[in-house]
Every structure is written in structure tokens, then in C-alpha cells.
Amino acid sequence: MDPCPFVRLTVGNLALKIPVASKPARSVVHPSLSPCFCKIKLKNFPLQTAVVPYFSPENQFPDNQQQTLAATFHLSKADIDKFAQKSIFSAKPCLKIAVYTGRRGSTCGVNSGCLLGKVSVPLDLAGTESKACVFHNGWISVGKETKKDSSARFHLNVKAEPDPRFVFQFDGEPECSPQVFQIRGNIRQPVFTCKFSFRNTGDRNQGSSVCSLLVKLTFQLQSDRSLRSEPSSSRRWLSSFGSERERLGKERKGWSITVHDLSGSPVAAASMVTPFVASPGSGRVSRSNPGSWLILRPGGGTWKPWGRLEAWRERGSSDGLGYRFELIPDMSAAAIVLAESTLSSSKGGKFVIDLGGRS
């Protein structure tokens, strides 16, 4: 079955120039001495932030420099169709970027950054499922000044390119070792089977919630952002994971998952290498001591490490589920962090890693 059409919209090669004449008073830190940042927004997608390097006014951005990604948006066919819909009540789709001087974050509830200006890049996504398109590449004026020599200049590259993907879906609860179907439109075709195993059979009931969490996240890495879960189901398996903190001192190490194709050949596996154990006195798995799964792929007659997925419970009022995914290179001991963020423990969530944008 052919992959589903997807589009990857990337924003990169950010840089900022501010004329020396517009240097603020001594009480304000100039951008050359303090990192700047920007907020990148695409309608119906989460806000993303990125650091903006400062360039001195006399320097030019190198034309042959390899693109440095600042933000990536993954668009399905449904997303593209929504952007293409014409309406008298909505403007043409565009990417909005707000540029700030100063550091990110807030102090006493007040944002630290100072808004320098805003940039809007129009998007015409028609045909981007089959061919790449560059929407902007170069410098653009930002701020209140209108003259080229006196205004701040912001450099960016915005482009879209085809990103076809295979979409998978479970045919039942993950802990029940269901078939996995490949999805394209209204067509469902069985392609994999899953099998769970426990070194300690007495831990089977206690393991179902974390196994469910791992498999859903693992297949999210192999599929795409369109893998849907029912909201009630997402809340159930996330809250079940959170309830494990009540079982203090119980090590949950030894579970493993093997994924087979329909011929019975193993194609992927995962094993818990660090148990999810609550920190003493806290009743939760902390970021400093997360539980982790090692994801493996077959090769050369043996299993080879491919990635590591860590998870923990965040502190604070949000009480979210933190995660980190690292790619393990074949010839290097240093892992590469591809995704690190937080999922809502009340609403659930998902994450996507982008292997195509890495050099």
C-alpha cells in the first residue's frame, strides 16, 4: 500500500541584524550581548519558539550554508485541504513570527522578552504533496522603522516539501497483542502483530498501563501525527500510568515487546531497561531518575539498539508527563536527542520525531 501524502513545513536559517544607531539605552541589554528569540505560529498548530542568532550589520548571511531548522510543522492531507478552503471570513493562510529581544521566560509573571516586530509569510500549499516550494528565503524588515538602513532585519527560510508516511493503527488494546493495520484513507490493511512478554508473570496486571503507554508512543515514532486515539482512552492510559506512583518500591523492570510482520518475522522490539520507581518521599517518578525503554531493530542476526525513550512525572501544577527520545547511532556512543517535551496527563497527547531534517 502506498504511503499517505504529508507535507513538512520548515522554518530555518534564522538571523537578526539591528543597526548600531538603534542601540537602546544602557539600562537595556543590546541583542548582541543577549540571545534573541522568536515565536512561530501556524493556525491550528501549537506555538513553537526558537533562538535567533545575532548578526552584526556589516555581515551577510552565507548563501551556501546548510539549513539550520528552528521549527517544523507536519501537515496531513486534511490539514492542507483546510488551508486551501476559501472563505470570506478568513484570510489566506500564513505563517506568523514574532521576534523578541532579550531572554525567553518570565519573572514574577511578566515576560522577559521585548517585542521587536512581527513577520507574516503567505503560504500557498497547493501541490506541495508532490513538489517542494520555497515561500521565503532572505532578509525582511521588522520593527517600526520603514527605511532599510535604519530598521532591524530578520533572516529566515520557509519552505514546504513532500513527506509521505505510512500510517498505522491498533486493532484493539495494545496489551492484548492486537494486529496493527496500515491506513490509507478508508482502506485498512493488516501488516503487523504485537506480542507482549513478562519475565515475572505476577507483574502482568501491573504492567498493562505502562506497556500500553510505551506501545502507543513507540508506534507514534514509526507512524505519524495523524494516529488518532479516543480522548477517553488517552486519559485512561495516562492516568493509569500516573497511579503507578502509589505502588512505592515496586520495580517494574523486565517487560518487553516484540513486533512481528504477518509472516512472523520480528521487525522491532522494546525492553524496559530502567524501572519506573518513585523517588523517596515524593511518590512520583522524577526527571532526575526517569524510567526508560530501549527500542531495538534486527540486523546482522542480532538485535541492535535504535533509540531510547525516557518518561517521568513533571513537578508543578500541570503535573504533566515528561518524555525524551534519543536516537542511538550505529558507530557512536553519544545519543542524539530528537524529541523532549511534556504531554498533558489530563488530555493525553502525542509527539513526532523528524529523521528527515537531521544531517
Protein backbone atom coordinates (compact mmCIF):
# COMPACT_ATOMS: atom_id res chain seq x y z
CA MET A 1 0.00 0.00 0.00
CA ASP A 2 1.29 3.46 -0.87
CA PRO A 3 2.15 5.93 1.92
CA CYS A 4 -0.22 8.73 2.86
CA PRO A 5 0.57 12.20 1.48
CA PHE A 6 2.07 14.53 4.07
CA VAL A 7 3.91 17.84 3.84
CA ARG A 8 6.75 19.05 6.08
CA LEU A 9 6.81 22.83 6.53
CA THR A 10 10.14 24.02 7.91
CA VAL A 11 11.43 27.33 9.24
CA GLY A 12 15.18 27.77 9.48
CA ASN A 13 18.33 29.83 8.94
CA LEU A 14 17.19 32.47 11.42
CA ALA A 15 19.31 35.57 11.98
CA LEU A 16 18.79 39.13 13.22
CA LYS A 17 20.55 42.41 12.37
CA ILE A 18 19.98 45.60 14.34
CA PRO A 19 21.74 48.84 13.26
CA VAL A 20 24.22 50.26 15.75
CA ALA A 21 22.34 53.57 15.71
CA SER A 22 19.28 51.89 17.15
CA LYS A 23 21.17 50.53 20.15
CA PRO A 24 18.95 51.06 23.22
CA ALA A 25 19.90 52.89 26.38
CA ARG A 26 22.42 51.49 28.82
CA SER A 27 19.63 50.20 31.04
CA VAL A 28 18.58 47.77 28.29
CA VAL A 29 20.73 44.87 27.11
CA HIS A 30 21.57 45.10 23.39
CA PRO A 31 20.76 41.98 21.28
CA SER A 32 24.46 41.47 20.53
CA LEU A 33 25.01 40.81 24.24
CA SER A 34 21.87 38.78 24.96
CA PRO A 35 20.17 35.99 22.96
CA CYS A 36 17.05 36.90 20.99
CA PHE A 37 14.19 34.57 20.24
CA CYS A 38 11.03 34.31 18.18
CA LYS A 39 7.60 32.72 18.46
CA ILE A 40 6.42 30.84 15.36
CA LYS A 41 2.70 30.24 14.85
CA LEU A 42 0.75 28.33 12.21
CA LYS A 43 -3.03 28.24 12.51
CA ASN A 44 -4.37 25.17 14.38
CA PHE A 45 -0.84 24.08 15.35
CA PRO A 46 0.97 24.54 18.70
CA LEU A 47 3.14 27.62 19.11
CA GLN A 48 6.89 26.99 18.71
CA THR A 49 9.80 29.08 19.95
CA ALA A 50 13.39 29.30 18.70
CA VAL A 51 16.59 31.19 19.46
CA VAL A 52 17.55 33.84 16.87
CA PRO A 53 21.33 34.36 16.39
CA TYR A 54 22.54 37.97 16.16
CA PHE A 55 24.49 39.12 13.07
CA SER A 56 26.50 42.34 13.01
CA PRO A 57 25.12 44.83 10.41
CA GLU A 58 28.13 44.53 8.09
CA ASN A 59 27.94 40.71 7.83
CA GLN A 60 25.98 38.85 5.15
CA PHE A 61 24.19 35.56 5.65
CA PRO A 62 26.22 32.87 3.79
CA ASP A 63 24.36 31.67 0.70
CA ASN A 64 25.74 28.13 0.80
CA GLN A 65 25.10 27.47 4.49
CA GLN A 66 23.23 24.26 5.26
CA GLN A 67 19.77 24.93 6.65
CA THR A 68 19.53 25.08 10.42
CA LEU A 69 15.99 24.15 11.47
CA ALA A 70 14.17 26.29 14.02
CA ALA A 71 10.64 24.86 13.69
CA THR A 72 8.90 22.06 11.81
CA PHE A 73 5.19 21.55 11.12
CA HIS A 74 3.84 18.23 9.81
CA LEU A 75 0.72 18.66 7.68
CA SER A 76 -1.63 15.85 6.69
CA LYS A 77 -3.85 15.85 3.61
CA ALA A 78 -6.73 17.04 5.80
CA ASP A 79 -4.64 19.95 7.12
CA ILE A 80 -3.69 21.01 3.58
CA ASP A 81 -7.32 20.83 2.43
CA LYS A 82 -8.38 23.08 5.33
CA PHE A 83 -5.78 25.69 4.38
CA ALA A 84 -6.95 25.53 0.75
CA GLN A 85 -10.59 26.23 1.61
CA LYS A 86 -11.70 29.70 0.55
CA SER A 87 -13.88 31.74 2.86
CA ILE A 88 -14.94 35.38 3.05
CA PHE A 89 -14.49 35.22 6.81
CA SER A 90 -10.87 34.03 6.89
CA ALA A 91 -7.69 35.40 5.37
CA LYS A 92 -5.24 33.43 3.27
CA PRO A 93 -3.08 31.02 5.27
CA CYS A 94 0.18 32.47 6.53
CA LEU A 95 2.99 31.74 8.93
CA LYS A 96 3.27 34.35 11.70
CA ILE A 97 6.53 35.05 13.51
CA ALA A 98 7.01 37.45 16.42
CA VAL A 99 10.64 38.49 17.08
CA TYR A 100 11.74 39.39 20.61
CA THR A 101 14.93 40.82 22.08
CA GLY A 102 16.13 39.57 25.43
CA ARG A 103 15.87 36.18 27.03
CA ARG A 104 12.94 33.81 27.00
CA GLY A 105 10.90 33.14 30.12
CA SER A 106 9.17 35.29 32.69
CA THR A 107 9.89 36.85 36.04
CA CYS A 108 7.09 37.30 38.59
CA GLY A 109 4.55 36.62 35.86
CA VAL A 110 5.97 39.29 33.50
CA ASN A 111 7.50 38.20 30.17
CA SER A 112 11.24 38.93 29.95
CA GLY A 113 11.43 39.46 26.19
CA CYS A 114 10.66 42.77 24.44
CA LEU A 115 8.72 42.55 21.15
CA LEU A 116 10.82 43.89 18.28
CA GLY A 117 8.42 43.23 15.42
CA LYS A 118 6.26 40.71 13.59
CA VAL A 119 6.66 38.92 10.26
CA SER A 120 3.94 37.26 8.19
CA VAL A 121 4.79 34.82 5.37
CA PRO A 122 1.90 33.92 3.00
CA LEU A 123 1.54 30.21 2.24
CA ASP A 124 0.16 28.55 -0.89
CA LEU A 125 0.31 24.84 -0.13
CA ALA A 126 -1.38 23.62 -3.32
CA GLY A 127 0.75 20.94 -4.95
CA THR A 128 3.28 20.67 -2.11
CA GLU A 129 2.40 16.98 -1.63
CA SER A 130 4.33 16.26 -4.84
CA LYS A 131 6.93 19.04 -5.14
CA ALA A 132 8.93 21.30 -2.86
CA CYS A 133 8.19 25.01 -2.61
CA VAL A 134 10.19 27.87 -1.04
CA PHE A 135 7.93 30.62 0.33
CA HIS A 136 10.67 32.94 1.59
CA ASN A 137 14.45 32.90 1.74
CA GLY A 138 16.29 36.07 2.74
CA TRP A 139 16.12 39.22 4.83
CA ILE A 140 12.97 41.11 5.76
CA SER A 141 12.48 44.33 7.75
CA VAL A 142 10.92 44.15 11.21
CA GLY A 143 10.09 46.82 13.75
CA LYS A 144 8.63 50.32 13.48
CA GLU A 145 11.29 51.81 11.21
CA THR A 146 10.46 51.70 7.48
CA LYS A 147 13.81 52.72 5.97
CA LYS A 148 16.04 49.81 5.03
CA ASP A 149 19.16 51.25 6.64
CA SER A 150 17.51 52.13 9.96
CA SER A 151 15.24 49.14 10.57
CA ALA A 152 16.08 45.78 12.08
CA ARG A 153 16.47 42.95 9.57
CA PHE A 154 15.30 39.38 10.14
CA HIS A 155 16.56 36.47 8.02
CA LEU A 156 14.56 33.27 7.57
CA ASN A 157 13.93 30.40 5.20
CA VAL A 158 10.41 28.97 4.92
CA LYS A 159 9.79 26.01 2.67
CA ALA A 160 7.47 23.03 2.22
CA GLU A 161 8.41 19.64 0.83
CA PRO A 162 6.67 16.27 0.35
CA ASP A 163 6.91 13.96 3.36
CA PRO A 164 4.95 10.76 2.55
CA ARG A 165 4.34 8.50 5.56
CA PHE A 166 2.92 5.14 6.46
CA VAL A 167 0.05 5.36 8.96
CA PHE A 168 -0.60 2.52 11.42
CA GLN A 169 -3.48 1.79 13.79
CA PHE A 170 -4.07 -0.80 16.53
CA ASP A 171 -6.99 -3.20 16.12
CA GLY A 172 -7.65 -3.41 19.85
CA GLU A 173 -6.00 -2.62 23.18
CA PRO A 174 -2.17 -2.75 22.90
CA GLU A 175 -1.75 -5.01 25.95
CA CYS A 176 -3.94 -7.64 24.22
CA SER A 177 -1.34 -8.18 21.46
CA PRO A 178 -3.55 -6.97 18.60
CA GLN A 179 -2.93 -6.77 14.88
CA VAL A 180 -1.60 -3.49 13.55
CA PHE A 181 -3.26 -2.12 10.41
CA GLN A 182 -1.82 0.19 7.80
CA ILE A 183 -4.25 3.01 7.00
CA ARG A 184 -4.71 4.99 3.80
CA GLY A 185 -7.97 6.89 3.55
CA ASN A 186 -10.77 4.39 4.16
CA ILE A 187 -8.56 1.36 3.43
CA ARG A 188 -7.24 -0.76 6.34
CA GLN A 189 -4.68 -3.49 5.66
CA PRO A 190 -3.13 -5.76 8.36
CA VAL A 191 0.67 -5.54 8.36
CA PHE A 192 1.98 -6.32 11.88
CA THR A 193 1.21 -8.26 15.02
CA CYS A 194 2.38 -7.35 18.54
CA LYS A 195 3.30 -9.68 21.36
CA PHE A 196 3.91 -8.74 24.99
CA SER A 197 6.05 -10.77 27.37
CA PHE A 198 6.76 -10.54 31.08
CA ARG A 199 9.74 -12.01 32.89
CA ASN A 200 7.63 -12.10 36.02
CA THR A 201 4.10 -13.29 35.28
CA GLY A 202 2.92 -11.89 38.59
CA ASP A 203 3.52 -8.38 37.22
CA ARG A 204 1.17 -8.83 34.25
CA ASN A 205 -1.73 -6.79 35.66
CA GLN A 206 0.53 -4.05 36.97
CA GLY A 207 2.33 -3.83 33.64
CA SER A 208 -0.59 -3.25 31.32
CA SER A 209 -0.82 0.51 31.81
CA VAL A 210 2.88 1.22 31.19
CA CYS A 211 3.02 -1.27 28.29
CA SER A 212 0.05 0.49 26.76
CA LEU A 213 1.85 3.81 27.14
CA LEU A 214 5.06 2.51 25.58
CA VAL A 215 3.45 0.84 22.58
CA LYS A 216 1.33 3.87 21.75
CA LEU A 217 4.37 6.13 21.93
CA THR A 218 6.61 3.64 20.10
CA PHE A 219 4.25 3.29 17.17
CA GLN A 220 3.80 7.05 17.15
CA LEU A 221 7.53 7.24 16.36
CA GLN A 222 7.12 4.84 13.46
CA SER A 223 3.91 6.32 12.07
CA ASP A 224 2.83 9.99 12.12
CA ARG A 225 0.84 12.77 13.72
CA SER A 226 -2.46 11.51 12.28
CA LEU A 227 -2.54 8.43 14.52
CA ARG A 228 -5.71 9.11 16.48
CA SER A 229 -6.72 7.92 19.95
CA GLU A 230 -10.07 8.37 21.60
CA PRO A 231 -9.88 11.17 24.24
CA SER A 232 -11.31 8.94 26.93
CA SER A 233 -8.76 6.25 26.11
CA SER A 234 -5.89 8.77 26.26
CA ARG A 235 -6.99 9.96 29.67
CA ARG A 236 -7.35 6.39 30.88
CA TRP A 237 -3.87 5.16 30.00
CA LEU A 238 -2.16 8.36 31.10
CA SER A 239 -3.96 8.41 34.44
CA SER A 240 -3.19 4.71 34.89
CA PHE A 241 0.48 5.48 34.36
CA GLY A 242 0.26 8.19 36.99
CA SER A 243 -1.35 5.86 39.50
CA GLU A 244 1.78 3.70 39.49
CA ARG A 245 3.33 6.14 41.96
CA GLU A 246 1.06 4.60 44.60
CA ARG A 247 2.98 1.34 44.33
CA LEU A 248 6.14 2.59 46.06
CA GLY A 249 9.23 0.47 45.84
CA LYS A 250 7.79 -1.93 43.25
CA GLU A 251 10.27 -2.33 40.41
CA ARG A 252 8.66 -2.75 37.03
CA LYS A 253 11.71 -3.90 35.11
CA GLY A 254 11.71 -6.82 32.73
CA TRP A 255 8.82 -6.17 30.36
CA SER A 256 9.50 -6.48 26.66
CA ILE A 257 7.55 -6.01 23.45
CA THR A 258 8.24 -7.64 20.08
CA VAL A 259 6.61 -6.51 16.83
CA HIS A 260 6.27 -9.06 14.01
CA ASP A 261 5.20 -8.75 10.40
CA LEU A 262 2.41 -11.03 9.16
CA SER A 263 4.92 -13.72 8.16
CA GLY A 264 6.03 -13.97 11.79
CA SER A 265 9.42 -12.31 11.34
CA PRO A 266 10.38 -9.85 14.10
CA VAL A 267 10.80 -6.28 12.85
CA ALA A 268 11.18 -4.31 16.11
CA ALA A 269 11.42 -4.82 19.85
CA ALA A 270 11.48 -2.77 23.03
CA SER A 271 12.63 -3.64 26.52
CA MET A 272 12.40 -1.73 29.79
CA VAL A 273 15.98 -1.10 30.88
CA THR A 274 15.29 1.28 33.77
CA PRO A 275 12.28 0.64 36.03
CA PHE A 276 9.73 3.35 36.78
CA VAL A 277 10.36 3.80 40.51
CA ALA A 278 9.09 6.74 42.55
CA SER A 279 11.71 8.93 44.23
CA PRO A 280 11.85 8.55 48.02
CA GLY A 281 9.38 10.86 49.73
CA SER A 282 7.88 12.20 46.50
CA GLY A 283 5.55 9.45 45.32
CA ARG A 284 6.42 10.12 41.66
CA VAL A 285 8.97 9.13 39.03
CA SER A 286 11.24 12.17 38.87
CA ARG A 287 13.05 13.73 35.93
CA SER A 288 16.39 13.06 37.62
CA ASN A 289 15.65 9.31 37.70
CA PRO A 290 13.32 8.53 34.77
CA GLY A 291 12.17 5.14 33.64
CA SER A 292 13.36 4.15 30.17
CA TRP A 293 12.72 1.74 27.32
CA LEU A 294 15.33 0.62 24.82
CA ILE A 295 13.98 0.25 21.27
CA LEU A 296 15.81 -2.27 19.07
CA ARG A 297 15.86 -3.31 15.42
CA PRO A 298 17.09 -6.60 13.94
CA GLY A 299 20.29 -6.57 11.91
CA GLY A 300 23.12 -8.98 11.19
CA GLY A 301 21.42 -11.84 13.03
CA THR A 302 21.09 -9.89 16.28
CA TRP A 303 19.15 -7.04 17.88
CA LYS A 304 20.75 -3.60 17.60
CA PRO A 305 19.81 -0.57 19.75
CA TRP A 306 17.98 2.10 17.74
CA GLY A 307 16.53 4.52 20.28
CA ARG A 308 15.80 5.19 23.93
CA LEU A 309 12.51 6.52 25.30
CA GLU A 310 12.51 8.01 28.81
CA ALA A 311 9.48 9.19 30.79
CA TRP A 312 8.84 10.86 34.15
CA ARG A 313 6.23 12.91 36.01
CA GLU A 314 6.74 16.68 35.91
CA ARG A 315 6.51 18.76 39.07
CA GLY A 316 4.21 21.74 39.43
CA SER A 317 0.54 22.48 38.95
CA SER A 318 0.37 20.98 35.43
CA ASP A 319 1.51 17.55 36.67
CA GLY A 320 2.36 16.58 33.10
CA LEU A 321 4.11 13.51 31.76
CA GLY A 322 7.61 14.41 30.58
CA TYR A 323 9.43 12.41 27.92
CA ARG A 324 12.69 12.34 25.97
CA PHE A 325 13.51 10.29 22.87
CA GLU A 326 17.14 9.71 21.88
CA LEU A 327 18.44 8.18 18.66
CA ILE A 328 21.37 5.80 19.16
CA PRO A 329 23.84 5.97 16.21
CA ASP A 330 25.44 2.74 14.98
CA MET A 331 29.06 3.82 15.38
CA SER A 332 28.87 6.32 18.24
CA ALA A 333 28.24 6.10 21.95
CA ALA A 334 26.73 9.59 22.08
CA ALA A 335 22.93 9.55 21.70
CA ILE A 336 21.14 12.29 19.73
CA VAL A 337 18.08 13.87 21.39
CA LEU A 338 15.30 14.14 18.78
CA ALA A 339 12.31 14.96 20.98
CA GLU A 340 11.87 16.25 24.52
CA SER A 341 8.72 17.84 25.91
CA THR A 342 5.66 17.22 28.09
CA LEU A 343 2.32 15.53 27.47
CA SER A 344 -0.80 16.56 29.33
CA SER A 345 -1.79 13.94 31.90
CA SER A 346 -5.44 15.03 31.69
CA LYS A 347 -5.89 15.38 27.91
CA GLY A 348 -3.27 12.95 26.63
CA GLY A 349 -1.09 13.76 23.66
CA LYS A 350 1.41 12.55 21.10
CA PHE A 351 4.77 13.51 19.65
CA VAL A 352 6.59 13.08 16.36
CA ILE A 353 10.28 12.77 15.58
CA ASP A 354 11.69 14.09 12.30
CA LEU A 355 14.57 12.00 10.97
CA GLY A 356 14.50 13.66 7.56
CA GLY A 357 15.51 17.07 8.89
CA ARG A 358 18.69 15.82 10.58
CA SER A 359 22.09 15.99 8.96
